[in-house]
Amino acid sequence: MNRWALQRYTTAEVWLRTQTDRAARYVSRRITDDRGQTSFEYLGIAVVIAVIIGVLTSTTDIGRAVKKAITNEITKIAGGGGK
């Protein structure tokens, strides 16, 4: 192999390794950069639970009874007298 071809091959190999290393660092950062993800998952679960409770309290007799009991207790605590 002549000197010119060897120099071109070496330059291409160094460039390719640099690009590969850069891509690997980018991918590893993207995979491990999930800070705060758990809090969003908990928030999503809380929203789903709140929606389910809201639907149950407005559509079923048991839900209405629970809602009335909770409202009465909150009124008692707040000093409203309650029933």
PDB file of N, CA and C in Angstrom:
ATOM      1  N   MET A   1       0.866  -1.171   0.000  1.00  0.00           N
ATOM      2  CA  MET A   1       0.000   0.000   0.000  1.00  0.00           C
ATOM      3  C   MET A   1       0.908   1.228   0.000  1.00  0.00           C
ATOM      4  N   ASN A   2       0.627   2.162  -0.854  1.00  0.00           N
ATOM      5  CA  ASN A   2       1.482   3.339  -0.901  1.00  0.00           C
ATOM      6  C   ASN A   2       1.127   4.316   0.225  1.00  0.00           C
ATOM      7  N   ARG A   3       1.969   5.286   0.411  1.00  0.00           N
ATOM      8  CA  ARG A   3       1.844   6.218   1.528  1.00  0.00           C
ATOM      9  C   ARG A   3       0.571   7.053   1.443  1.00  0.00           C
ATOM     10  N   TRP A   4       0.193   7.509   0.257  1.00  0.00           N
ATOM     11  CA  TRP A   4      -1.012   8.316   0.086  1.00  0.00           C
ATOM     12  C   TRP A   4      -2.257   7.530   0.488  1.00  0.00           C
ATOM     13  N   ALA A   5      -2.374   6.284   0.051  1.00  0.00           N
ATOM     14  CA  ALA A   5      -3.532   5.453   0.378  1.00  0.00           C
ATOM     15  C   ALA A   5      -3.576   5.163   1.877  1.00  0.00           C
ATOM     16  N   LEU A   6      -2.422   4.908   2.479  1.00  0.00           N
ATOM     17  CA  LEU A   6      -2.359   4.644   3.912  1.00  0.00           C
ATOM     18  C   LEU A   6      -2.806   5.870   4.709  1.00  0.00           C
ATOM     19  N   GLN A   7      -2.372   7.057   4.281  1.00  0.00           N
ATOM     20  CA  GLN A   7      -2.782   8.288   4.952  1.00  0.00           C
ATOM     21  C   GLN A   7      -4.291   8.504   4.825  1.00  0.00           C
ATOM     22  N   ARG A   8      -4.859   8.288   3.650  1.00  0.00           N
ATOM     23  CA  ARG A   8      -6.297   8.439   3.445  1.00  0.00           C
ATOM     24  C   ARG A   8      -7.078   7.422   4.278  1.00  0.00           C
ATOM     25  N   TYR A   9      -6.584   6.182   4.321  1.00  0.00           N
ATOM     26  CA  TYR A   9      -7.247   5.145   5.098  1.00  0.00           C
ATOM     27  C   TYR A   9      -7.239   5.511   6.583  1.00  0.00           C
ATOM     28  N   THR A  10      -6.107   5.974   7.080  1.00  0.00           N
ATOM     29  CA  THR A  10      -5.983   6.354   8.488  1.00  0.00           C
ATOM     30  C   THR A  10      -6.895   7.525   8.813  1.00  0.00           C
ATOM     31  N   THR A  11      -6.935   8.511   7.938  1.00  0.00           N
ATOM     32  CA  THR A  11      -7.805   9.672   8.157  1.00  0.00           C
ATOM     33  C   THR A  11      -9.275   9.241   8.189  1.00  0.00           C
ATOM     34  N   ALA A  12      -9.667   8.397   7.280  1.00  0.00           N
ATOM     35  CA  ALA A  12     -11.050   7.919   7.237  1.00  0.00           C
ATOM     36  C   ALA A  12     -11.380   7.101   8.484  1.00  0.00           C
ATOM     37  N   GLU A  13     -10.455   6.282   8.938  1.00  0.00           N
ATOM     38  CA  GLU A  13     -10.693   5.471  10.131  1.00  0.00           C
ATOM     39  C   GLU A  13     -10.841   6.341  11.374  1.00  0.00           C
ATOM     40  N   VAL A  14     -10.008   7.337  11.530  1.00  0.00           N
ATOM     41  CA  VAL A  14     -10.105   8.240  12.681  1.00  0.00           C
ATOM     42  C   VAL A  14     -11.427   8.999  12.639  1.00  0.00           C
ATOM     43  N   TRP A  15     -11.814   9.489  11.457  1.00  0.00           N
ATOM     44  CA  TRP A  15     -13.087  10.208  11.337  1.00  0.00           C
ATOM     45  C   TRP A  15     -14.262   9.304  11.695  1.00  0.00           C
ATOM     46  N   LEU A  16     -14.249   8.061  11.200  1.00  0.00           N
ATOM     47  CA  LEU A  16     -15.332   7.124  11.465  1.00  0.00           C
ATOM     48  C   LEU A  16     -15.415   6.784  12.955  1.00  0.00           C
ATOM     49  N   ARG A  17     -14.273   6.570  13.597  1.00  0.00           N
ATOM     50  CA  ARG A  17     -14.288   6.284  15.037  1.00  0.00           C
ATOM     51  C   ARG A  17     -14.797   7.478  15.832  1.00  0.00           C
ATOM     52  N   THR A  18     -14.428   8.674  15.439  1.00  0.00           N
ATOM     53  CA  THR A  18     -14.907   9.883  16.119  1.00  0.00           C
ATOM     54  C   THR A  18     -16.427   9.997  15.992  1.00  0.00           C
ATOM     55  N   GLN A  19     -16.949   9.778  14.798  1.00  0.00           N
ATOM     56  CA  GLN A  19     -18.392   9.849  14.596  1.00  0.00           C
ATOM     57  C   GLN A  19     -19.123   8.763  15.380  1.00  0.00           C
ATOM     58  N   THR A  20     -18.556   7.558  15.410  1.00  0.00           N
ATOM     59  CA  THR A  20     -19.162   6.457  16.150  1.00  0.00           C
ATOM     60  C   THR A  20     -19.186   6.751  17.642  1.00  0.00           C
ATOM     61  N   ASP A  21     -18.078   7.271  18.175  1.00  0.00           N
ATOM     62  CA  ASP A  21     -18.026   7.625  19.594  1.00  0.00           C
ATOM     63  C   ASP A  21     -19.017   8.731  19.929  1.00  0.00           C
ATOM     64  N   ARG A  22     -19.124   9.711  19.062  1.00  0.00           N
ATOM     65  CA  ARG A  22     -20.063  10.810  19.280  1.00  0.00           C
ATOM     66  C   ARG A  22     -21.501  10.299  19.286  1.00  0.00           C
ATOM     67  N   ALA A  23     -21.833   9.418  18.352  1.00  0.00           N
ATOM     68  CA  ALA A  23     -23.187   8.849  18.295  1.00  0.00           C
ATOM     69  C   ALA A  23     -23.466   7.997  19.530  1.00  0.00           C
ATOM     70  N   ALA A  24     -22.481   7.242  19.987  1.00  0.00           N
ATOM     71  CA  ALA A  24     -22.669   6.402  21.174  1.00  0.00           C
ATOM     72  C   ALA A  24     -22.900   7.259  22.417  1.00  0.00           C
ATOM     73  N   ARG A  25     -22.160   8.354  22.547  1.00  0.00           N
ATOM     74  CA  ARG A  25     -22.365   9.267  23.689  1.00  0.00           C
ATOM     75  C   ARG A  25     -23.755   9.890  23.633  1.00  0.00           C
ATOM     76  N   TYR A  26     -24.201  10.271  22.450  1.00  0.00           N
ATOM     77  CA  TYR A  26     -25.525  10.871  22.298  1.00  0.00           C
ATOM     78  C   TYR A  26     -26.624   9.887  22.687  1.00  0.00           C
ATOM     79  N   VAL A  27     -26.500   8.668  22.214  1.00  0.00           N
ATOM     80  CA  VAL A  27     -27.513   7.656  22.528  1.00  0.00           C
ATOM     81  C   VAL A  27     -27.508   7.338  24.021  1.00  0.00           C
ATOM     82  N   SER A  28     -26.349   7.198  24.627  1.00  0.00           N
ATOM     83  CA  SER A  28     -26.301   6.875  26.059  1.00  0.00           C
ATOM     84  C   SER A  28     -26.852   8.018  26.896  1.00  0.00           C
ATOM     85  N   ARG A  29     -26.637   9.257  26.479  1.00  0.00           N
ATOM     86  CA  ARG A  29     -27.223  10.397  27.202  1.00  0.00           C
ATOM     87  C   ARG A  29     -28.741  10.393  27.077  1.00  0.00           C
ATOM     88  N   ARG A  30     -29.259  10.072  25.901  1.00  0.00           N
ATOM     89  CA  ARG A  30     -30.706  10.057  25.696  1.00  0.00           C
ATOM     90  C   ARG A  30     -31.368   8.966  26.522  1.00  0.00           C
ATOM     91  N   ILE A  31     -30.709   7.836  26.656  1.00  0.00           N
ATOM     92  CA  ILE A  31     -31.278   6.718  27.402  1.00  0.00           C
ATOM     93  C   ILE A  31     -31.290   7.018  28.889  1.00  0.00           C
ATOM     94  N   THR A  32     -30.235   7.598  29.417  1.00  0.00           N
ATOM     95  CA  THR A  32     -30.130   7.819  30.862  1.00  0.00           C
ATOM     96  C   THR A  32     -30.691   9.156  31.309  1.00  0.00           C
ATOM     97  N   ASP A  33     -31.134   9.985  30.393  1.00  0.00           N
ATOM     98  CA  ASP A  33     -31.623  11.312  30.765  1.00  0.00           C
ATOM     99  C   ASP A  33     -33.138  11.287  30.950  1.00  0.00           C
ATOM    100  N   ASP A  34     -33.593  10.559  31.969  1.00  0.00           N
ATOM    101  CA  ASP A  34     -35.019  10.473  32.242  1.00  0.00           C
ATOM    102  C   ASP A  34     -35.330  10.980  33.646  1.00  0.00           C
ATOM    103  N   ARG A  35     -34.591  11.989  34.077  1.00  0.00           N
ATOM    104  CA  ARG A  35     -34.833  12.559  35.398  1.00  0.00           C
ATOM    105  C   ARG A  35     -36.229  13.160  35.442  1.00  0.00           C
ATOM    106  N   GLY A  36     -36.941  12.914  36.553  1.00  0.00           N
ATOM    107  CA  GLY A  36     -38.272  13.456  36.713  1.00  0.00           C
ATOM    108  C   GLY A  36     -39.362  12.619  36.086  1.00  0.00           C
ATOM    109  N   GLN A  37     -38.990  11.545  35.420  1.00  0.00           N
ATOM    110  CA  GLN A  37     -39.979  10.708  34.754  1.00  0.00           C
ATOM    111  C   GLN A  37     -40.948  10.091  35.753  1.00  0.00           C
ATOM    112  N   THR A  38     -40.443   9.656  36.905  1.00  0.00           N
ATOM    113  CA  THR A  38     -41.291   8.998  37.895  1.00  0.00           C
ATOM    114  C   THR A  38     -42.375   9.932  38.410  1.00  0.00           C
ATOM    115  N   SER A  39     -42.043  11.187  38.644  1.00  0.00           N
ATOM    116  CA  SER A  39     -43.051  12.120  39.148  1.00  0.00           C
ATOM    117  C   SER A  39     -44.180  12.315  38.134  1.00  0.00           C
ATOM    118  N   PHE A  40     -43.870  12.323  36.860  1.00  0.00           N
ATOM    119  CA  PHE A  40     -44.914  12.430  35.840  1.00  0.00           C
ATOM    120  C   PHE A  40     -45.781  11.176  35.813  1.00  0.00           C
ATOM    121  N   GLU A  41     -45.170  10.018  36.045  1.00  0.00           N
ATOM    122  CA  GLU A  41     -45.957   8.786  36.089  1.00  0.00           C
ATOM    123  C   GLU A  41     -46.916   8.806  37.275  1.00  0.00           C
ATOM    124  N   TYR A  42     -46.442   9.244  38.450  1.00  0.00           N
ATOM    125  CA  TYR A  42     -47.311   9.340  39.620  1.00  0.00           C
ATOM    126  C   TYR A  42     -48.432  10.345  39.382  1.00  0.00           C
ATOM    127  N   LEU A  43     -48.115  11.457  38.739  1.00  0.00           N
ATOM    128  CA  LEU A  43     -49.129  12.455  38.432  1.00  0.00           C
ATOM    129  C   LEU A  43     -50.199  11.871  37.512  1.00  0.00           C
ATOM    130  N   GLY A  44     -49.788  11.108  36.528  1.00  0.00           N
ATOM    131  CA  GLY A  44     -50.738  10.476  35.628  1.00  0.00           C
ATOM    132  C   GLY A  44     -51.656   9.501  36.347  1.00  0.00           C
ATOM    133  N   ILE A  45     -51.085   8.716  37.257  1.00  0.00           N
ATOM    134  CA  ILE A  45     -51.896   7.778  38.037  1.00  0.00           C
ATOM    135  C   ILE A  45     -52.888   8.536  38.908  1.00  0.00           C
ATOM    136  N   ALA A  46     -52.434   9.619  39.560  1.00  0.00           N
ATOM    137  CA  ALA A  46     -53.321  10.403  40.418  1.00  0.00           C
ATOM    138  C   ALA A  46     -54.472  11.007  39.616  1.00  0.00           C
ATOM    139  N   VAL A  47     -54.203  11.469  38.414  1.00  0.00           N
ATOM    140  CA  VAL A  47     -55.253  12.044  37.571  1.00  0.00           C
ATOM    141  C   VAL A  47     -56.275  10.970  37.183  1.00  0.00           C
ATOM    142  N   VAL A  48     -55.794   9.796  36.831  1.00  0.00           N
ATOM    143  CA  VAL A  48     -56.709   8.714  36.463  1.00  0.00           C
ATOM    144  C   VAL A  48     -57.587   8.338  37.649  1.00  0.00           C
ATOM    145  N   ILE A  49     -56.998   8.230  38.837  1.00  0.00           N
ATOM    146  CA  ILE A  49     -57.772   7.902  40.035  1.00  0.00           C
ATOM    147  C   ILE A  49     -58.799   8.992  40.331  1.00  0.00           C
ATOM    148  N   ALA A  50     -58.404  10.243  40.200  1.00  0.00           N
ATOM    149  CA  ALA A  50     -59.341  11.344  40.447  1.00  0.00           C
ATOM    150  C   ALA A  50     -60.511  11.305  39.466  1.00  0.00           C
ATOM    151  N   VAL A  51     -60.250  10.999  38.222  1.00  0.00           N
ATOM    152  CA  VAL A  51     -61.323  10.917  37.230  1.00  0.00           C
ATOM    153  C   VAL A  51     -62.265   9.759  37.562  1.00  0.00           C
ATOM    154  N   ILE A  52     -61.702   8.619  37.943  1.00  0.00           N
ATOM    155  CA  ILE A  52     -62.548   7.474  38.298  1.00  0.00           C
ATOM    156  C   ILE A  52     -63.428   7.808  39.499  1.00  0.00           C
ATOM    157  N   ILE A  53     -62.846   8.426  40.523  1.00  0.00           N
ATOM    158  CA  ILE A  53     -63.627   8.808  41.699  1.00  0.00           C
ATOM    159  C   ILE A  53     -64.697   9.822  41.324  1.00  0.00           C
ATOM    160  N   GLY A  54     -64.370  10.770  40.495  1.00  0.00           N
ATOM    161  CA  GLY A  54     -65.349  11.758  40.050  1.00  0.00           C
ATOM    162  C   GLY A  54     -66.522  11.130  39.320  1.00  0.00           C
ATOM    163  N   VAL A  55     -66.224  10.178  38.451  1.00  0.00           N
ATOM    164  CA  VAL A  55     -67.293   9.497  37.713  1.00  0.00           C
ATOM    165  C   VAL A  55     -68.165   8.688  38.664  1.00  0.00           C
ATOM    166  N   LEU A  56     -67.538   7.985  39.605  1.00  0.00           N
ATOM    167  CA  LEU A  56     -68.301   7.172  40.549  1.00  0.00           C
ATOM    168  C   LEU A  56     -69.194   8.025  41.454  1.00  0.00           C
ATOM    169  N   THR A  57     -68.682   9.166  41.897  1.00  0.00           N
ATOM    170  CA  THR A  57     -69.481   9.996  42.803  1.00  0.00           C
ATOM    171  C   THR A  57     -70.651  10.649  42.101  1.00  0.00           C
ATOM    172  N   SER A  58     -70.569  10.843  40.821  1.00  0.00           N
ATOM    173  CA  SER A  58     -71.665  11.526  40.135  1.00  0.00           C
ATOM    174  C   SER A  58     -72.646  10.572  39.464  1.00  0.00           C
ATOM    175  N   THR A  59     -72.300   9.292  39.330  1.00  0.00           N
ATOM    176  CA  THR A  59     -73.177   8.397  38.578  1.00  0.00           C
ATOM    177  C   THR A  59     -73.798   7.273  39.396  1.00  0.00           C
ATOM    178  N   THR A  60     -73.282   6.980  40.585  1.00  0.00           N
ATOM    179  CA  THR A  60     -73.830   5.863  41.357  1.00  0.00           C
ATOM    180  C   THR A  60     -74.405   6.346  42.678  1.00  0.00           C
ATOM    181  N   ASP A  61     -75.335   5.565  43.227  1.00  0.00           N
ATOM    182  CA  ASP A  61     -75.920   5.900  44.520  1.00  0.00           C
ATOM    183  C   ASP A  61     -74.882   5.820  45.635  1.00  0.00           C
ATOM    184  N   ILE A  62     -74.014   4.825  45.561  1.00  0.00           N
ATOM    185  CA  ILE A  62     -72.955   4.705  46.575  1.00  0.00           C
ATOM    186  C   ILE A  62     -72.044   5.918  46.498  1.00  0.00           C
ATOM    187  N   GLY A  63     -71.718   6.334  45.299  1.00  0.00           N
ATOM    188  CA  GLY A  63     -70.865   7.515  45.126  1.00  0.00           C
ATOM    189  C   GLY A  63     -71.504   8.760  45.696  1.00  0.00           C
ATOM    190  N   ARG A  64     -72.790   8.903  45.456  1.00  0.00           N
ATOM    191  CA  ARG A  64     -73.496  10.076  46.004  1.00  0.00           C
ATOM    192  C   ARG A  64     -73.528  10.037  47.526  1.00  0.00           C
ATOM    193  N   ALA A  65     -73.709   8.847  48.108  1.00  0.00           N
ATOM    194  CA  ALA A  65     -73.724   8.713  49.567  1.00  0.00           C
ATOM    195  C   ALA A  65     -72.361   9.046  50.160  1.00  0.00           C
ATOM    196  N   VAL A  66     -71.308   8.568  49.517  1.00  0.00           N
ATOM    197  CA  VAL A  66     -69.949   8.870  49.993  1.00  0.00           C
ATOM    198  C   VAL A  66     -69.673  10.364  49.873  1.00  0.00           C
ATOM    199  N   LYS A  67     -70.069  10.954  48.757  1.00  0.00           N
ATOM    200  CA  LYS A  67     -69.867  12.385  48.559  1.00  0.00           C
ATOM    201  C   LYS A  67     -70.607  13.193  49.616  1.00  0.00           C
ATOM    202  N   LYS A  68     -71.844  12.800  49.934  1.00  0.00           N
ATOM    203  CA  LYS A  68     -72.634  13.505  50.940  1.00  0.00           C
ATOM    204  C   LYS A  68     -71.997  13.374  52.320  1.00  0.00           C
ATOM    205  N   ALA A  69     -71.501  12.181  52.659  1.00  0.00           N
ATOM    206  CA  ALA A  69     -70.858  11.966  53.952  1.00  0.00           C
ATOM    207  C   ALA A  69     -69.578  12.793  54.072  1.00  0.00           C
ATOM    208  N   ILE A  70     -68.791  12.805  53.031  1.00  0.00           N
ATOM    209  CA  ILE A  70     -67.544  13.592  53.056  1.00  0.00           C
ATOM    210  C   ILE A  70     -67.854  15.075  53.162  1.00  0.00           C
ATOM    211  N   THR A  71     -68.828  15.541  52.411  1.00  0.00           N
ATOM    212  CA  THR A  71     -69.215  16.948  52.463  1.00  0.00           C
ATOM    213  C   THR A  71     -69.706  17.338  53.853  1.00  0.00           C
ATOM    214  N   ASN A  72     -70.512  16.459  54.473  1.00  0.00           N
ATOM    215  CA  ASN A  72     -70.990  16.738  55.833  1.00  0.00           C
ATOM    216  C   ASN A  72     -69.844  16.820  56.831  1.00  0.00           C
ATOM    217  N   GLU A  73     -68.889  15.915  56.726  1.00  0.00           N
ATOM    218  CA  GLU A  73     -67.756  15.933  57.665  1.00  0.00           C
ATOM    219  C   GLU A  73     -66.898  17.180  57.468  1.00  0.00           C
ATOM    220  N   ILE A  74     -66.701  17.582  56.223  1.00  0.00           N
ATOM    221  CA  ILE A  74     -65.931  18.797  55.962  1.00  0.00           C
ATOM    222  C   ILE A  74     -66.673  20.017  56.530  1.00  0.00           C
ATOM    223  N   THR A  75     -67.973  20.030  56.398  1.00  0.00           N
ATOM    224  CA  THR A  75     -68.780  21.127  56.949  1.00  0.00           C
ATOM    225  C   THR A  75     -68.655  21.160  58.467  1.00  0.00           C
ATOM    226  N   LYS A  76     -68.681  19.991  59.106  1.00  0.00           N
ATOM    227  CA  LYS A  76     -68.519  19.944  60.561  1.00  0.00           C
ATOM    228  C   LYS A  76     -67.154  20.477  60.995  1.00  0.00           C
ATOM    229  N   ILE A  77     -66.132  20.061  60.292  1.00  0.00           N
ATOM    230  CA  ILE A  77     -64.767  20.512  60.636  1.00  0.00           C
ATOM    231  C   ILE A  77     -64.623  21.998  60.427  1.00  0.00           C
ATOM    232  N   ALA A  78     -65.239  22.515  59.382  1.00  0.00           N
ATOM    233  CA  ALA A  78     -65.136  23.947  59.085  1.00  0.00           C
ATOM    234  C   ALA A  78     -66.035  24.793  59.986  1.00  0.00           C
ATOM    235  N   GLY A  79     -66.858  24.136  60.824  1.00  0.00           N
ATOM    236  CA  GLY A  79     -67.678  24.877  61.758  1.00  0.00           C
ATOM    237  C   GLY A  79     -69.034  25.236  61.207  1.00  0.00           C
ATOM    238  N   GLY A  80     -69.501  24.552  60.198  1.00  0.00           N
ATOM    239  CA  GLY A  80     -70.795  24.856  59.603  1.00  0.00           C
ATOM    240  C   GLY A  80     -71.965  24.142  60.230  1.00  0.00           C
ATOM    241  N   GLY A  81     -71.734  23.306  61.236  1.00  0.00           N
ATOM    242  CA  GLY A  81     -72.835  22.639  61.913  1.00  0.00           C
ATOM    243  C   GLY A  81     -73.124  21.262  61.373  1.00  0.00           C
ATOM    244  N   GLY A  82     -73.248  21.087  60.110  1.00  0.00           N
ATOM    245  CA  GLY A  82     -73.502  19.789  59.494  1.00  0.00           C
ATOM    246  C   GLY A  82     -74.827  19.186  59.876  1.00  0.00           C
ATOM    247  N   LYS A  83     -75.173  18.053  59.280  1.00  0.00           N
ATOM    248  CA  LYS A  83     -76.450  17.388  59.552  1.00  0.00           C
ATOM    249  C   LYS A  83     -76.223  16.093  60.278  1.00  0.00           C
TER     250      LYS A  83
END
